[in-house]
Protein backbone atom coordinates (compact mmCIF):
# COMPACT_ATOMS: atom_id res chain seq x y z
CA UNK A 1 94.17 104.89 111.86
CA UNK A 2 92.07 102.64 113.42
CA UNK A 3 93.23 100.65 116.72
CA UNK A 4 93.18 97.49 114.92
CA UNK A 5 95.59 98.57 111.87
CA UNK A 6 97.54 100.82 115.34
CA UNK A 7 97.79 97.09 116.55
CA UNK A 8 99.02 95.22 113.68
CA UNK A 9 101.53 97.74 112.95
CA UNK A 10 102.89 97.68 115.92
CA UNK A 11 103.30 93.85 115.99
CA UNK A 12 104.98 94.19 112.57
CA UNK A 13 107.87 96.53 114.16
CA UNK A 14 108.53 94.68 117.56
CA UNK A 15 108.66 91.66 114.53
CA UNK A 16 111.36 93.65 112.89
CA UNK A 17 112.99 94.74 115.87
CA UNK A 18 113.68 91.70 117.43
CA UNK A 19 115.65 91.03 113.68
CA UNK A 20 117.13 94.56 113.97
CA UNK A 21 115.41 94.80 110.17
CA UNK A 22 113.78 97.61 109.04
CA UNK A 23 110.03 97.69 108.30
CA UNK A 24 109.35 98.88 105.08
CA UNK A 25 105.63 98.29 103.86
CA UNK A 26 102.52 96.34 105.33
CA UNK A 27 98.64 96.13 104.01
CA UNK A 28 96.30 93.93 104.79
CA UNK A 29 95.67 91.03 101.93
CA UNK A 30 93.38 87.93 101.01
CA UNK A 31 89.75 89.01 100.82
CA UNK A 32 90.46 92.25 102.71
CA UNK A 33 92.18 93.30 99.96
CA UNK A 34 90.24 91.99 97.10
CA UNK A 35 86.71 92.95 98.17
CA UNK A 36 85.47 89.28 98.78
CA UNK A 37 85.48 89.36 102.21
CA UNK A 38 82.16 87.77 103.90
CA UNK A 39 83.26 88.44 107.67
CA UNK A 40 84.23 85.41 109.19
CA UNK A 41 87.68 85.53 108.00
CA UNK A 42 90.44 85.93 110.15
CA UNK A 43 93.50 88.87 109.54
CA UNK A 44 95.97 88.22 106.92
CA UNK A 45 98.44 90.91 106.56
CA UNK A 46 101.64 90.63 104.08
CA UNK A 47 104.82 93.09 104.37
CA UNK A 48 108.65 93.92 103.05
CA UNK A 49 111.55 94.61 105.83
CA UNK A 50 114.75 95.12 105.00
CA UNK A 51 116.98 93.03 106.97
CA UNK A 52 120.64 94.51 108.59
CA UNK A 53 123.38 95.32 106.61
CA UNK A 54 125.36 93.16 109.14
CA UNK A 55 122.84 89.52 109.37
CA UNK A 56 123.88 89.72 105.42
CA UNK A 57 127.51 89.64 105.87
CA UNK A 58 127.18 87.42 109.15
CA UNK A 59 124.67 85.42 106.62
CA UNK A 60 121.45 85.59 109.90
CA UNK A 61 119.54 87.23 107.61
CA UNK A 62 115.94 85.25 107.18
CA UNK A 63 114.13 85.80 103.81
CA UNK A 64 110.61 86.02 105.57
CA UNK A 65 109.09 86.19 109.06
CA UNK A 66 106.02 85.15 110.79
CA UNK A 67 103.62 85.89 113.47
CA UNK A 68 100.54 84.46 114.28
CA UNK A 69 97.39 84.97 116.97
CA UNK A 70 95.82 81.40 116.33
CA UNK A 71 97.92 77.89 116.92
CA UNK A 72 98.26 74.57 114.69
CA UNK A 73 95.32 73.17 116.77
CA UNK A 74 92.54 75.14 116.11
CA UNK A 75 91.36 77.17 112.66
CA UNK A 76 92.28 80.61 112.72
CA UNK A 77 88.23 82.68 113.34
CA UNK A 78 87.79 86.29 112.75
CA UNK A 79 90.13 88.00 115.43
CA UNK A 80 93.18 86.28 114.83
CA UNK A 81 96.14 88.27 113.01
CA UNK A 82 98.78 86.47 111.02
CA UNK A 83 101.50 88.26 109.33
CA UNK A 84 103.74 87.25 106.92
CA UNK A 85 106.73 89.52 105.84
CA UNK A 86 109.29 89.41 103.06
CA UNK A 87 112.57 90.59 103.45
CA UNK A 88 113.44 92.83 100.37
CA UNK A 89 115.80 90.94 98.17
CA UNK A 90 113.85 87.81 98.49
CA UNK A 91 111.00 89.55 97.57
CA UNK A 92 112.16 91.76 94.00
CA UNK A 93 114.97 89.37 92.98
CA UNK A 94 113.40 85.81 93.69
CA UNK A 95 109.81 85.74 94.50
CA UNK A 96 108.50 88.67 91.70
CA UNK A 97 110.58 87.82 89.06
CA UNK A 98 109.27 84.13 89.86
CA UNK A 99 105.52 85.58 89.52
CA UNK A 100 104.90 84.52 92.88
CA UNK A 101 101.09 85.13 92.94
CA UNK A 102 101.18 86.55 97.01
CA UNK A 103 104.25 88.76 95.72
CA UNK A 104 102.57 90.40 92.57
CA UNK A 105 99.70 91.10 94.89
CA UNK A 106 101.21 92.82 97.58
CA UNK A 107 103.10 95.06 94.49
CA UNK A 108 100.01 95.72 93.81
CA UNK A 109 98.50 96.66 97.01
CA UNK A 110 99.51 99.95 96.91
CA UNK A 111 96.15 101.17 94.65
CA UNK A 112 93.71 99.74 97.76
CA UNK A 113 94.96 103.07 100.48
CA UNK A 114 92.49 101.62 102.81
CA UNK A 115 94.66 98.41 103.17
CA UNK A 116 98.17 99.45 103.38
CA UNK A 117 98.81 100.24 107.30
CA UNK A 118 102.75 101.85 106.24
CA UNK A 119 104.92 102.39 103.58
CA UNK A 120 108.06 103.64 103.78
CA UNK A 121 109.20 106.19 100.56
CA UNK A 122 112.52 104.16 100.53
CA UNK A 123 109.88 101.17 97.92
CA UNK A 124 108.65 104.37 95.73
CA UNK A 125 111.14 102.84 93.01
CA UNK A 126 109.33 99.47 92.78
CA UNK A 127 105.73 100.87 93.47
CA UNK A 128 106.52 103.11 90.46
CA UNK A 129 108.37 100.70 88.01
CA UNK A 130 106.47 97.38 89.04
CA UNK A 131 106.95 95.96 85.32
CA UNK A 132 110.58 96.35 85.78
CA UNK A 133 110.87 93.62 88.93
CA UNK A 134 108.09 90.77 86.96
CA UNK A 135 108.64 88.86 83.66
CA UNK A 136 105.36 88.76 82.55
CA UNK A 137 106.15 87.15 78.87
CA UNK A 138 107.17 83.53 80.72
CA UNK A 139 105.01 84.11 84.04
CA UNK A 140 102.80 80.57 84.43
CA UNK A 141 102.34 80.96 88.25
CA UNK A 142 99.32 82.36 87.90
CA UNK A 143 97.59 79.68 85.83
CA UNK A 144 99.78 76.76 87.63
CA UNK A 145 98.54 78.47 90.91
CA UNK A 146 94.81 78.43 89.20
CA UNK A 147 94.50 74.81 88.21
CA UNK A 148 96.34 73.75 91.19
CA UNK A 149 93.36 75.09 92.91
CA UNK A 150 90.90 72.96 90.03
CA UNK A 151 92.94 70.13 89.39
CA UNK A 152 91.17 68.10 93.27
CA UNK A 153 87.98 67.78 91.44
CA UNK A 154 88.94 66.51 88.55
CA UNK A 155 89.21 69.40 85.94
CA UNK A 156 89.96 68.48 82.35
CA UNK A 157 93.96 67.91 81.55
CA UNK A 158 94.76 67.01 84.78
CA UNK A 159 95.78 63.88 86.41
CA UNK A 160 92.16 63.12 88.03
CA UNK A 161 90.55 64.86 84.85
CA UNK A 162 91.92 62.62 82.69
CA UNK A 163 91.45 59.30 84.61
CA UNK A 164 87.67 60.74 85.15
CA UNK A 165 87.41 60.85 81.32
CA UNK A 166 88.75 57.16 80.63
CA UNK A 167 86.44 55.96 82.93
CA UNK A 168 83.34 57.81 81.95
CA UNK A 169 84.62 56.38 78.36
CA UNK A 170 84.55 52.52 79.90
CA UNK A 171 80.83 52.98 80.89
CA UNK A 172 78.82 51.36 78.84
CA UNK A 173 81.56 49.15 77.12
CA UNK A 174 80.99 45.65 77.13
CA UNK A 175 83.90 43.45 79.32
CA UNK A 176 84.59 41.35 76.40
CA UNK A 177 88.00 41.42 74.54
CA UNK A 178 90.85 43.22 74.60
CA UNK A 179 92.30 46.47 75.63
CA UNK A 180 94.55 46.89 72.72
CA UNK A 181 91.80 47.31 69.77
CA UNK A 182 90.15 50.04 71.95
CA UNK A 183 93.10 52.10 72.67
CA UNK A 184 93.02 54.57 69.70
CA UNK A 185 89.32 55.17 70.50
CA UNK A 186 90.32 56.03 74.09
CA UNK A 187 93.46 58.55 73.30
CA UNK A 188 91.39 60.21 70.35
CA UNK A 189 89.05 61.09 73.19
CA UNK A 190 90.55 61.21 76.28
CA UNK A 191 94.25 61.39 75.34
CA UNK A 192 96.77 64.16 77.03
CA UNK A 193 100.49 64.27 75.70
CA UNK A 194 101.29 64.12 79.66
CA UNK A 195 98.41 61.62 81.15
CA UNK A 196 97.12 59.66 78.53
CA UNK A 197 98.51 57.78 75.03
CA UNK A 198 100.02 55.77 73.14
CA UNK A 199 103.56 53.73 73.45
CA UNK A 200 104.84 50.34 71.95
CA UNK A 201 106.26 47.91 74.87
CA UNK A 202 108.38 45.22 72.91
CA UNK A 203 106.36 45.94 69.52
CA UNK A 204 102.81 45.62 71.58
CA UNK A 205 100.65 49.25 71.46
CA UNK A 206 99.87 50.08 75.14
CA UNK A 207 98.14 52.68 76.86
CA UNK A 208 99.86 54.84 79.45
CA UNK A 209 97.61 56.78 81.70
CA UNK A 210 99.21 58.92 84.41
CA UNK A 211 102.02 57.32 84.59
CA UNK A 212 100.55 53.57 84.54
CA UNK A 213 101.38 51.46 81.39
CA UNK A 214 98.32 49.02 80.38
CA UNK A 215 99.78 46.33 77.44
CA UNK A 216 97.15 45.95 74.68
CA UNK A 217 96.92 42.44 75.99
CA UNK A 218 95.38 42.99 79.01
CA UNK A 219 91.71 42.55 79.40
CA UNK A 220 88.93 45.40 79.04
CA UNK A 221 87.57 43.85 82.27
CA UNK A 222 90.92 44.44 84.01
CA UNK A 223 91.99 47.58 82.37
CA UNK A 224 88.12 48.41 83.38
CA UNK A 225 88.83 47.73 87.53
CA UNK A 226 92.18 49.01 87.55
CA UNK A 227 90.34 52.32 86.37
CA UNK A 228 87.87 52.03 89.16
CA UNK A 229 90.60 51.29 91.81
CA UNK A 230 92.41 54.48 90.82
CA UNK A 231 88.91 56.44 90.81
CA UNK A 232 88.21 55.02 94.15
CA UNK A 233 91.27 56.26 95.17
CA UNK A 234 91.96 59.39 93.91
CA UNK A 235 88.49 60.13 92.20
CA UNK A 236 85.89 60.97 95.44
CA UNK A 237 86.28 64.57 95.00
CA UNK A 238 85.44 64.32 91.14
CA UNK A 239 82.36 62.06 91.76
CA UNK A 240 81.10 64.86 94.58
CA UNK A 241 82.15 67.66 91.82
CA UNK A 242 79.93 65.81 89.06
CA UNK A 243 76.89 65.75 91.72
CA UNK A 244 77.84 69.59 92.62
CA UNK A 245 78.71 68.27 96.71
CA UNK A 246 81.51 69.12 98.76
CA UNK A 247 83.15 71.48 96.75
CA UNK A 248 85.65 74.00 98.25
CA UNK A 249 84.08 77.18 96.33
CA UNK A 250 86.38 79.24 97.97
CA UNK A 251 89.56 77.50 96.39
CA UNK A 252 87.86 77.84 92.99
CA UNK A 253 86.72 81.03 93.81
CA UNK A 254 90.56 81.56 94.38
CA UNK A 255 90.73 80.14 91.04
CA UNK A 256 89.05 82.60 89.16
CA UNK A 257 90.40 85.44 90.91
CA UNK A 258 93.96 84.10 89.73
CA UNK A 259 93.30 84.08 86.71
CA UNK A 260 91.46 87.72 86.57
CA UNK A 261 93.79 89.38 87.91
CA UNK A 262 96.59 88.03 85.73
CA UNK A 263 94.49 89.41 82.68
CA UNK A 264 94.51 92.89 84.18
CA UNK A 265 98.18 92.63 84.85
CA UNK A 266 98.72 91.21 80.73
CA UNK A 267 95.95 94.35 79.24
CA UNK A 268 96.45 97.47 81.50
CA UNK A 269 100.37 95.96 83.14
CA UNK A 270 98.82 97.22 86.51
CA UNK A 271 96.12 94.95 88.65
CA UNK A 272 93.63 97.43 90.57
CA UNK A 273 92.25 96.41 94.11
CA UNK A 274 89.73 96.03 95.27
CA UNK A 275 88.62 93.74 92.38
CA UNK A 276 86.39 95.03 89.28
CA UNK A 277 85.18 91.26 89.34
CA UNK A 278 84.56 90.43 93.25
CA UNK A 279 80.92 90.21 92.59
CA UNK A 280 81.62 87.28 90.05
CA UNK A 281 83.74 85.88 92.58
CA UNK A 282 81.65 86.18 95.70
CA UNK A 283 79.07 84.35 93.90
CA UNK A 284 81.26 81.32 93.46
CA UNK A 285 82.70 81.65 97.12
CA UNK A 286 79.05 81.34 98.10
CA UNK A 287 78.32 78.32 95.61
CA UNK A 288 75.63 79.91 93.27
CA UNK A 289 77.43 77.97 90.26
CA UNK A 290 77.33 74.42 89.78
CA UNK A 291 80.66 72.64 88.73
CA UNK A 292 80.16 72.00 85.33
CA UNK A 293 79.89 75.50 84.52
CA UNK A 294 82.99 76.65 86.67
CA UNK A 295 84.89 73.57 85.18
CA UNK A 296 84.47 75.43 81.52
CA UNK A 297 84.67 78.48 82.90
CA UNK A 298 88.07 78.23 84.32
CA UNK A 299 89.78 76.31 81.36
CA UNK A 300 88.07 79.22 79.19
CA UNK A 301 89.85 81.42 80.88
CA UNK A 302 93.10 79.57 81.51
CA UNK A 303 93.01 79.57 77.65
CA UNK A 304 92.58 83.31 76.70
CA UNK A 305 95.20 84.09 79.25
CA UNK A 306 97.26 82.05 77.74
CA UNK A 307 97.03 83.35 74.16
CA UNK A 308 96.93 87.11 75.72
CA UNK A 309 100.62 86.00 77.67
CA UNK A 310 101.75 84.51 74.15
CA UNK A 311 100.96 87.67 72.07
CA UNK A 312 103.71 89.93 74.60
CA UNK A 313 106.48 91.08 73.27
CA UNK A 314 109.54 89.03 74.60
CA UNK A 315 111.00 92.38 76.09
CA UNK A 316 108.52 92.24 79.07
CA UNK A 317 111.09 90.49 81.04
CA UNK A 318 112.67 91.11 84.44
CA UNK A 319 115.12 93.81 84.81
CA UNK A 320 117.72 92.74 87.06
CA UNK A 321 120.52 95.77 86.40
CA UNK A 322 117.28 97.71 88.26
CA UNK A 323 116.27 95.78 90.88
CA UNK A 324 119.72 95.08 91.53
CA UNK A 325 120.91 98.67 91.83
CA UNK A 326 118.03 99.65 93.43
CA UNK A 327 118.93 97.18 96.01
CA UNK A 328 122.02 98.18 96.85
CA UNK A 329 120.77 101.68 96.96
CA UNK A 330 118.49 100.74 100.22
CA UNK A 331 121.66 100.17 101.58
CA UNK A 332 123.38 103.64 100.57
CA UNK A 333 125.31 102.05 97.80
CA UNK A 334 125.26 102.96 93.72
CA UNK A 335 123.44 106.22 94.52
CA UNK A 336 123.67 108.16 91.33
CA UNK A 337 125.16 111.96 92.35
CA UNK A 338 122.57 114.91 90.41
CA UNK A 339 123.76 115.07 87.11
CA UNK A 340 124.49 118.25 84.80
CA UNK A 341 126.32 121.88 85.50
CA UNK A 342 124.16 122.91 88.33
CA UNK A 343 125.07 119.88 90.38
CA UNK A 344 129.15 120.23 88.86
CA UNK A 345 128.78 123.75 90.14
CA UNK A 346 127.56 123.18 93.49
CA UNK A 347 130.40 119.58 93.96
CA UNK A 348 132.86 122.04 93.02
CA UNK A 349 131.70 124.54 96.10
CA UNK A 350 131.34 122.03 98.16
CA UNK A 351 135.12 120.53 97.40
CA UNK A 352 136.21 124.29 98.24
CA UNK A 353 134.58 124.78 101.23
CA UNK A 354 136.09 120.86 102.03
CA UNK A 355 139.97 122.60 101.27
CA UNK A 356 139.23 126.01 102.91
CA UNK A 357 137.66 124.28 105.90
CA UNK A 358 139.37 120.69 106.39
CA UNK A 359 136.12 119.12 107.30
CA UNK A 360 134.42 116.16 105.25
CA UNK A 361 131.28 116.27 103.44
CA UNK A 362 129.37 113.07 104.17
CA UNK A 363 126.33 113.99 102.53
CA UNK A 364 125.22 116.52 100.31
CA UNK A 365 121.21 117.48 99.04
CA UNK A 366 118.64 119.57 97.55
CA UNK A 367 116.04 121.09 99.67
CA UNK A 368 113.40 123.09 99.22
CA UNK A 369 111.15 123.69 95.71
CA UNK A 370 113.58 121.66 93.75
CA UNK A 371 113.57 118.51 96.08
CA UNK A 372 109.36 118.85 96.16
CA UNK A 373 109.63 119.50 92.33
CA UNK A 374 107.99 122.85 91.66
CA UNK A 375 110.68 125.09 90.88
CA UNK A 376 110.14 128.00 89.20
CA UNK A 377 112.82 129.65 86.62
CA UNK A 378 114.52 131.45 89.00
CA UNK A 379 114.40 129.34 91.92
CA UNK A 380 117.43 129.47 93.37
CA UNK A 381 119.23 126.45 94.92
CA UNK A 382 119.20 125.38 98.75
CA UNK A 383 122.16 122.63 99.32
CA UNK A 384 121.91 120.97 102.64
CA UNK A 385 124.72 119.21 103.98
CA UNK A 386 126.24 117.19 106.58
CA UNK A 387 130.11 117.78 107.36
CA UNK A 388 132.68 116.31 109.26
CA UNK A 389 136.25 117.47 110.98
CA UNK A 390 139.00 115.58 111.31
CA UNK A 391 139.34 113.29 114.19
CA UNK A 392 141.93 115.80 116.15
CA UNK A 393 139.76 118.48 116.02
CA UNK A 394 137.02 116.38 117.91
CA UNK A 395 140.24 115.81 121.21
CA UNK A 396 140.41 119.55 121.38
CA UNK A 397 139.90 121.08 124.71
CA UNK A 398 137.09 122.75 123.65
CA UNK A 399 135.30 121.66 120.35
CA UNK A 400 132.14 122.49 121.76
CA UNK A 401 132.53 126.36 121.48
CA UNK A 402 133.41 125.86 117.79
CA UNK A 403 130.55 127.06 115.77
CA UNK A 404 128.77 124.06 113.98
CA UNK A 405 127.20 125.69 110.45
CA UNK A 406 129.01 126.55 107.38
CA UNK A 407 127.22 128.92 105.37
CA UNK A 408 127.77 130.47 101.50
CA UNK A 409 125.95 131.87 99.31
CA UNK A 410 127.35 132.42 95.64
CA UNK A 411 126.48 133.20 92.14
CA UNK A 412 127.43 130.91 89.44
CA UNK A 413 126.87 132.49 86.08
CA UNK A 414 124.30 130.36 83.51
CA UNK A 415 123.17 128.25 86.79
CA UNK A 416 122.46 131.16 89.31
CA UNK A 417 122.55 131.19 93.45
CA UNK A 418 123.65 128.84 95.20
CA UNK A 419 122.59 129.04 98.75
CA UNK A 420 124.11 126.43 100.97
CA UNK A 421 124.13 125.79 104.56
CA UNK A 422 126.31 122.68 106.79
CA UNK A 423 125.08 121.36 109.72
CA UNK A 424 128.37 119.23 111.43
CA UNK A 425 127.48 115.67 111.87
CA UNK A 426 126.87 116.07 116.00
CA UNK A 427 124.39 118.74 115.60
CA UNK A 428 122.98 117.15 113.12
CA UNK A 429 122.63 113.84 114.90
CA UNK A 430 121.50 115.91 117.77
CA UNK A 431 118.27 117.20 115.66
CA UNK A 432 118.00 113.81 114.05
CA UNK A 433 117.33 112.47 117.59
CA UNK A 434 115.24 115.29 118.71
CA UNK A 435 112.97 113.59 115.94
CA UNK A 436 112.93 116.81 113.85
CA UNK A 437 110.97 116.16 110.75
CA UNK A 438 113.36 118.17 108.46
CA UNK A 439 115.37 115.98 108.34
CA UNK A 440 114.02 113.52 107.00
CA UNK A 441 113.03 115.80 104.05
CA UNK A 442 116.31 115.97 102.98
CA UNK A 443 117.65 112.65 103.48
CA UNK A 444 114.74 111.43 101.57
CA UNK A 445 115.60 114.65 98.71
CA UNK A 446 115.25 113.02 95.40
CA UNK A 447 118.19 115.49 94.20
CA UNK A 448 121.43 114.05 95.72
CA UNK A 449 125.13 115.82 95.42
CA UNK A 450 127.15 113.79 97.82
CA UNK A 451 126.81 110.50 99.76
CA UNK A 452 129.98 109.34 101.05
CA UNK A 453 129.90 106.32 103.97
CA UNK A 454 127.48 105.25 106.06
CA UNK A 455 126.10 108.21 107.63
CA UNK A 456 122.94 108.84 105.25
CA UNK A 457 121.85 105.52 105.01
CA UNK A 458 122.24 104.68 108.92
CA UNK A 459 119.85 107.63 109.48
CA UNK A 460 117.44 106.45 107.11
CA UNK A 461 117.28 103.27 108.91
CA UNK A 462 116.07 104.87 111.93
CA UNK A 463 113.65 107.46 110.20
CA UNK A 464 110.82 105.14 110.72
CA UNK A 465 111.11 104.83 114.44
CA UNK A 466 112.64 107.64 115.00
CA UNK A 467 110.28 110.11 114.13
CA UNK A 468 106.91 110.64 116.08
CA UNK A 469 103.87 111.23 113.91
CA UNK A 470 103.12 113.63 116.54
CA UNK A 471 106.12 115.84 116.23
CA UNK A 472 105.27 115.59 112.14
CA UNK A 473 101.91 116.42 112.58
CA UNK A 474 102.66 119.98 114.38
CA UNK A 475 105.71 120.89 112.15
CA UNK A 476 103.39 120.58 108.82
CA UNK A 477 100.08 121.97 110.54
CA UNK A 478 102.93 124.94 111.26
CA UNK A 479 104.18 125.38 107.91
CA UNK A 480 100.61 125.41 106.73
CA UNK A 481 98.87 127.66 108.83
CA UNK A 482 102.03 130.19 108.01
CA UNK A 483 101.42 129.65 103.78
CA UNK A 484 97.37 130.52 104.88
CA UNK A 485 98.55 133.73 107.09
CA UNK A 486 100.05 135.16 103.29
CA UNK A 487 97.09 133.59 101.49
CA UNK A 488 94.75 135.90 103.47
CA UNK A 489 97.15 138.68 103.24
CA UNK A 490 96.53 138.56 99.88
CA UNK A 491 99.79 136.81 98.40
CA UNK A 492 98.04 134.23 95.89
CA UNK A 493 100.92 133.45 94.49
CA UNK A 494 101.42 129.60 93.10
CA UNK A 495 104.03 129.67 95.30
CA UNK A 496 102.10 130.72 98.42
CA UNK A 497 99.77 127.99 96.94
CA UNK A 498 101.86 125.00 97.20
CA UNK A 499 103.15 126.10 100.33
CA UNK A 500 99.78 125.55 101.74
CA UNK A 501 98.65 121.69 99.44
CA UNK A 502 101.69 119.96 100.47
CA UNK A 503 101.87 120.51 103.91
CA UNK A 504 98.02 119.32 104.00
CA UNK A 505 98.55 116.50 102.08
CA UNK A 506 101.30 115.35 104.31
CA UNK A 507 98.98 115.94 107.32
CA UNK A 508 96.56 113.41 105.14
CA UNK A 509 99.20 110.46 104.58
CA UNK A 510 99.95 110.47 108.25
CA UNK A 511 95.85 110.39 109.55
CA UNK A 512 96.07 107.47 107.41
CA UNK A 513 99.21 106.27 109.23
CA UNK A 514 100.89 105.90 106.29
CA UNK A 515 104.54 106.27 107.84
CA UNK A 516 107.47 108.81 106.85
CA UNK A 517 105.72 111.02 104.01
CA UNK A 518 108.03 110.92 100.43
CA UNK A 519 109.58 114.39 99.27
CA UNK A 520 107.82 114.93 95.39
CA UNK A 521 104.32 116.37 95.55
CA UNK A 522 103.29 114.31 92.90
CA UNK A 523 103.84 111.73 94.86
CA UNK A 524 101.80 112.71 97.24
CA UNK A 525 99.03 113.73 94.83
CA UNK A 526 99.47 110.54 93.20
CA UNK A 527 98.43 108.35 96.57
CA UNK A 528 96.06 110.83 98.18
CA UNK A 529 94.08 113.02 95.98
CA UNK A 530 90.99 111.17 94.16
CA UNK A 531 89.53 113.84 93.11
CA UNK A 532 90.38 113.65 89.31
CA UNK A 533 89.51 117.43 88.64
CA UNK A 534 91.42 118.78 91.89
CA UNK A 535 94.23 116.51 90.65
CA UNK A 536 94.49 118.29 87.62
CA UNK A 537 94.06 121.36 89.03
CA UNK A 538 97.44 120.96 91.49
CA UNK A 539 99.43 119.56 89.06
CA UNK A 540 98.19 122.79 86.30
CA UNK A 541 99.47 124.96 89.31
CA UNK A 542 102.78 123.27 89.59
CA UNK A 543 103.47 123.76 85.77
CA UNK A 544 102.36 127.38 86.07
CA UNK A 545 104.69 127.39 88.86
CA UNK A 546 107.88 125.87 86.83
CA UNK A 547 107.20 128.36 84.24
CA UNK A 548 106.99 131.76 86.19
CA UNK A 549 109.48 133.95 88.24
CA UNK A 550 108.97 133.19 91.78
CA UNK A 551 106.62 135.52 93.30
CA UNK A 552 104.34 135.49 90.05
CA UNK A 553 100.39 135.66 90.79
CA UNK A 554 98.19 133.39 89.41
CA UNK A 555 94.38 133.13 89.32
CA UNK A 556 93.75 130.51 92.62
CA UNK A 557 91.87 127.78 91.22
CA UNK A 558 88.93 127.49 93.13
CA UNK A 559 88.72 123.78 93.57
CA UNK A 560 92.11 124.09 95.54
CA UNK A 561 90.61 126.83 97.63
CA UNK A 562 87.70 125.28 98.69
CA UNK A 563 89.36 122.07 99.37
CA UNK A 564 92.31 123.50 101.15
CA UNK A 565 89.14 125.07 103.53
CA UNK A 566 87.59 121.54 103.40
CA UNK A 567 90.04 119.34 104.66
CA UNK A 568 91.98 121.86 107.61
CA UNK A 569 88.22 122.20 109.22
CA UNK A 570 87.83 118.60 108.78
CA UNK A 571 91.29 117.32 109.96
CA UNK A 572 91.10 120.12 113.24
CA UNK A 573 87.22 118.50 113.66
CA UNK A 574 88.43 114.69 113.47
CA UNK A 575 92.23 115.48 114.75
CA UNK A 576 93.42 111.75 115.43
CA UNK A 577 95.09 110.96 118.37
CA UNK A 578 98.81 111.19 117.36
CA UNK A 579 101.63 108.95 118.78
CA UNK A 580 104.33 110.66 120.14
CA UNK A 581 105.96 107.41 121.34
CA UNK A 582 109.39 107.15 119.30
CA UNK A 583 113.03 104.94 119.39
CA UNK A 584 115.97 107.66 120.49
CA UNK A 585 119.20 106.57 118.16
CA UNK A 586 122.32 105.68 118.86
CA UNK A 587 124.19 108.78 117.69
CA UNK A 588 127.00 108.10 119.79
CA UNK A 589 127.64 104.76 117.64
CA UNK A 590 126.87 106.48 114.46
CA UNK A 591 128.79 109.54 114.88
CA UNK A 592 132.11 106.73 115.76
CA UNK A 593 131.32 105.28 112.57
CA UNK A 594 130.43 108.06 110.39
CA UNK A 595 134.07 109.24 112.06
CA UNK A 596 135.88 106.09 111.02
CA UNK A 597 134.51 105.96 107.47
CA UNK A 598 135.94 109.41 106.88
CA UNK A 599 139.53 108.97 107.85
CA UNK A 600 140.10 105.29 107.90
CA UNK A 601 143.13 104.35 110.13
CA UNK A 602 142.79 107.84 112.56
CA UNK A 603 142.59 106.75 116.38
CA UNK A 604 138.62 107.74 116.34
């Protein structure tokens, strides 16, 4: 991560910390994202934060947070930083469904890895299912934004554009006579359903021009004077546009950019940054196209995108239940446990542990290859869980002498071996406080068996600040070394290869400063592996492991071996400075809250 990005990330984290919120996403924005930067712009940054549950309950949550190194007097320069953060609820429930252009740009900014400064895996459901949060069939925001950038120059169809058209129609016309006989001709050439149309007023034909009623009995000379006054009042920019003078070409490039992005979204279901049309947009930004050509181009593109949108089936609408369910899950609500015969057997065994040991299981999840997305046919189930004793147990004289783990291994017919290991809650909290990255994988596992009470949510909210990049780096470096030693001794099983690929990808994730890495291998590959052939080889290796036994050996893909060796050597030679700083969690407060929730009414 560059010094500039590191500085921006620290500012954003401090901004969130001041509100008791959790930073979820941060990206460079504007021209850097679009690929149209000219070198003189300030640094625009957008992101997402998760307000604390307390702020929501007390109605003290904020919809947005802002930071700027500039001020309201001086124009921002190239060294200035502007950061705008939206709350997660505001982004997914309001801004995205409404088609807010900035919100949509942020949604697809993940396609430009060089711009992404920080990404929390909590947002993966949004980035992996973007169309569920949009209303493509009814989104008119891009068209409105495009028009707003161009209408001040009198673009056809705008209020100023209609006045300009009528003004031009009057040129060369004799001033004698009344307006009435000319109204049909004016409407025929300059008419607009909202800004220029004929109507009867007390039985007399009149012309309604941009909200003003001009009776047919008005002299044509007086009508011309009125239109000229309107042009003098509002039409300076329109007249300058005719001469290609004083045009805001940056605004006009934004007008075209919005339409290009909307077309790509409608056709492909996504927007890729930097934009494919960036060279054309840069030409507009530099003023290389005359106004008349730009006006025709914008109007043509508006019509094309409008027709494309009208052809969409109405099913392309915002999925409110999905968005609401996702938002609740971010606060620990409505997390659906894993379904199926194996999950039922695991929950049965967990219940037996609770009864036999007189404990309450607060969280249980799958670890290892099943969570990572590449189990073999005979992979066992690695279930890790956190449990809590009844309050009286903690009031004993020497609870610290009691064993703080529970281990159980059982063979279930038709399911396989269940390897279950649990940590007493205080042990789990101490390990979490030490910054051990293993607990992050556990908490972020996509396979959840039990989640009861606020414990897992509280710990997830502390992952960003509670884990150190340096600690994670060395943990996964150790895993990579272990896998490489097995490979050197001749073990080339798919399992061993994948056990080398995954930690290396996580190290690349950390090298880019993307925050807490995702658990599933597929998400790492999709985000980090740009070589299509290499990505295909890794996915094929995953499929081979899924369809084979644990220790089956396979011919190692040469592409994967070369990549492992090259990247491992590179990161050793170019190892970035690792940040070991982290915020230690208040484990006493978390422990008390978890205990109260598990045993309500007890004197904890």
